[in-house]
Amino acid sequence: MARRVDQRADVTRDSRGCLRTIAWRGNVHSVKEELDAWEEAGSWWEGERARRFHLVTTHTNLQCELCFEPQTNLWTLCRVWD
C-alpha cells in the first residue's frame, strides 16, 4: 500500500543522469532500478510549474515516487510503498 510522504530528499545522479542514491530521514538508499519516469505540466493557469516524476526501487526494496522541480532544483519524496 502506498503511503503519502511529501518530504524533501537529497538525490544524486551519475554522469549520465541516472538516479543513484536517495538520502531521506537520515538514511541513504541506493537506487536499484528506475521503473518509470514522466512529466506533469501542472495547472499552469494557476501558477503551478512543470515537474518530473520518477518511480524507483532501492536495494533495500523500498519503492518510491520522487518529484523533481527543475525551476528550484529540489527533490521531494512523494510516496513510498513498503
C-alpha atoms as a PDB file:
ATOM      1  CA  MET A   1       0.000   0.000   0.000  1.00  0.00           C
ATOM      2  CA  ALA A   2       1.285   3.467  -0.870  1.00  0.00           C
ATOM      3  CA  ARG A   3       1.935   5.953   1.881  1.00  0.00           C
ATOM      4  CA  ARG A   4       1.994   9.694   1.104  1.00  0.00           C
ATOM      5  CA  VAL A   5       5.187  11.317   2.426  1.00  0.00           C
ATOM      6  CA  ASP A   6       5.827  14.682   0.691  1.00  0.00           C
ATOM      7  CA  GLN A   7       9.217  15.318   2.325  1.00  0.00           C
ATOM      8  CA  ARG A   8      12.402  16.767   0.890  1.00  0.00           C
ATOM      9  CA  ALA A   9      15.081  14.285  -0.144  1.00  0.00           C
ATOM     10  CA  ASP A  10      18.625  14.563  -1.435  1.00  0.00           C
ATOM     11  CA  VAL A  11      19.102  12.684  -4.686  1.00  0.00           C
ATOM     12  CA  THR A  12      22.362  12.026  -6.501  1.00  0.00           C
ATOM     13  CA  ARG A  13      22.788  11.130 -10.158  1.00  0.00           C
ATOM     14  CA  ASP A  14      25.632   9.597 -12.097  1.00  0.00           C
ATOM     15  CA  SER A  15      27.381  11.244 -15.073  1.00  0.00           C
ATOM     16  CA  ARG A  16      24.631  10.011 -17.433  1.00  0.00           C
ATOM     17  CA  GLY A  17      21.865  11.490 -15.285  1.00  0.00           C
ATOM     18  CA  CYS A  18      20.658   8.171 -13.840  1.00  0.00           C
ATOM     19  CA  LEU A  19      19.418   8.292 -10.256  1.00  0.00           C
ATOM     20  CA  ARG A  20      21.946   6.723  -7.876  1.00  0.00           C
ATOM     21  CA  THR A  21      21.078   7.477  -4.237  1.00  0.00           C
ATOM     22  CA  ILE A  22      18.241   8.896  -2.165  1.00  0.00           C
ATOM     23  CA  ALA A  23      19.025  10.402   1.238  1.00  0.00           C
ATOM     24  CA  TRP A  24      15.880  10.576   3.335  1.00  0.00           C
ATOM     25  CA  ARG A  25      15.280  10.629   7.102  1.00  0.00           C
ATOM     26  CA  GLY A  26      18.968  10.123   7.848  1.00  0.00           C
ATOM     27  CA  ASN A  27      19.319   7.027   5.635  1.00  0.00           C
ATOM     28  CA  VAL A  28      20.905   6.688   2.212  1.00  0.00           C
ATOM     29  CA  HIS A  29      19.189   4.299  -0.192  1.00  0.00           C
ATOM     30  CA  SER A  30      20.934   3.099  -3.368  1.00  0.00           C
ATOM     31  CA  VAL A  31      18.680   3.086  -6.413  1.00  0.00           C
ATOM     32  CA  LYS A  32      18.398  -0.406  -7.859  1.00  0.00           C
ATOM     33  CA  GLU A  33      16.067   0.316 -10.781  1.00  0.00           C
ATOM     34  CA  GLU A  34      14.070   3.159 -12.278  1.00  0.00           C
ATOM     35  CA  LEU A  35      10.670   1.684 -13.106  1.00  0.00           C
ATOM     36  CA  ASP A  36       9.072   4.713 -14.744  1.00  0.00           C
ATOM     37  CA  ALA A  37       9.543   8.430 -15.369  1.00  0.00           C
ATOM     38  CA  TRP A  38       7.101  11.081 -16.547  1.00  0.00           C
ATOM     39  CA  GLU A  39       6.470  14.824 -16.608  1.00  0.00           C
ATOM     40  CA  GLU A  40       3.437  16.772 -15.488  1.00  0.00           C
ATOM     41  CA  ALA A  41       2.805  20.301 -16.681  1.00  0.00           C
ATOM     42  CA  GLY A  42       0.815  21.245 -13.594  1.00  0.00           C
ATOM     43  CA  SER A  43      -2.051  23.707 -13.568  1.00  0.00           C
ATOM     44  CA  TRP A  44      -0.078  26.417 -15.337  1.00  0.00           C
ATOM     45  CA  TRP A  45      -3.126  28.714 -15.330  1.00  0.00           C
ATOM     46  CA  GLU A  46      -2.923  28.624 -11.513  1.00  0.00           C
ATOM     47  CA  GLY A  47       0.833  29.242 -11.449  1.00  0.00           C
ATOM     48  CA  GLU A  48       1.933  25.625 -10.977  1.00  0.00           C
ATOM     49  CA  ARG A  49       5.206  24.674 -12.637  1.00  0.00           C
ATOM     50  CA  ALA A  50       6.172  21.580 -14.583  1.00  0.00           C
ATOM     51  CA  ARG A  51       7.587  18.717 -12.531  1.00  0.00           C
ATOM     52  CA  ARG A  52       9.339  15.432 -13.310  1.00  0.00           C
ATOM     53  CA  PHE A  53       8.440  12.224 -11.520  1.00  0.00           C
ATOM     54  CA  HIS A  54      10.478   9.033 -11.091  1.00  0.00           C
ATOM     55  CA  LEU A  55       9.272   5.702  -9.757  1.00  0.00           C
ATOM     56  CA  VAL A  56      12.230   3.734  -8.391  1.00  0.00           C
ATOM     57  CA  THR A  57      13.122   0.663  -6.366  1.00  0.00           C
ATOM     58  CA  THR A  58      16.073   0.745  -3.978  1.00  0.00           C
ATOM     59  CA  HIS A  59      18.464  -2.017  -2.910  1.00  0.00           C
ATOM     60  CA  THR A  60      16.577  -2.124   0.400  1.00  0.00           C
ATOM     61  CA  ASN A  61      13.368  -2.959  -1.565  1.00  0.00           C
ATOM     62  CA  LEU A  62      11.845   0.440  -0.925  1.00  0.00           C
ATOM     63  CA  GLN A  63       9.672   1.503  -3.845  1.00  0.00           C
ATOM     64  CA  CYS A  64       9.179   5.241  -4.030  1.00  0.00           C
ATOM     65  CA  GLU A  65       7.930   8.067  -6.182  1.00  0.00           C
ATOM     66  CA  LEU A  66      10.214  11.085  -6.404  1.00  0.00           C
ATOM     67  CA  CYS A  67       9.385  14.511  -7.768  1.00  0.00           C
ATOM     68  CA  PHE A  68      11.966  16.895  -9.220  1.00  0.00           C
ATOM     69  CA  GLU A  69      11.231  20.593  -9.695  1.00  0.00           C
ATOM     70  CA  PRO A  70      13.717  21.886 -12.297  1.00  0.00           C
ATOM     71  CA  GLN A  71      12.992  25.554 -11.509  1.00  0.00           C
ATOM     72  CA  THR A  72      14.127  25.167  -7.889  1.00  0.00           C
ATOM     73  CA  ASN A  73      16.404  22.119  -8.309  1.00  0.00           C
ATOM     74  CA  LEU A  74      14.631  20.423  -5.370  1.00  0.00           C
ATOM     75  CA  TRP A  75      13.622  16.795  -4.899  1.00  0.00           C
ATOM     76  CA  THR A  76      10.602  15.594  -2.933  1.00  0.00           C
ATOM     77  CA  LEU A  77       9.840  12.040  -1.880  1.00  0.00           C
ATOM     78  CA  CYS A  78       6.117  11.896  -2.666  1.00  0.00           C
ATOM     79  CA  ARG A  79       5.096   8.298  -1.889  1.00  0.00           C
ATOM     80  CA  VAL A  80       6.571   5.080  -0.560  1.00  0.00           C
ATOM     81  CA  TRP A  81       5.369   1.520  -0.841  1.00  0.00           C
ATOM     82  CA  ASP A  82       6.551  -0.805   1.880  1.00  0.00           C
END
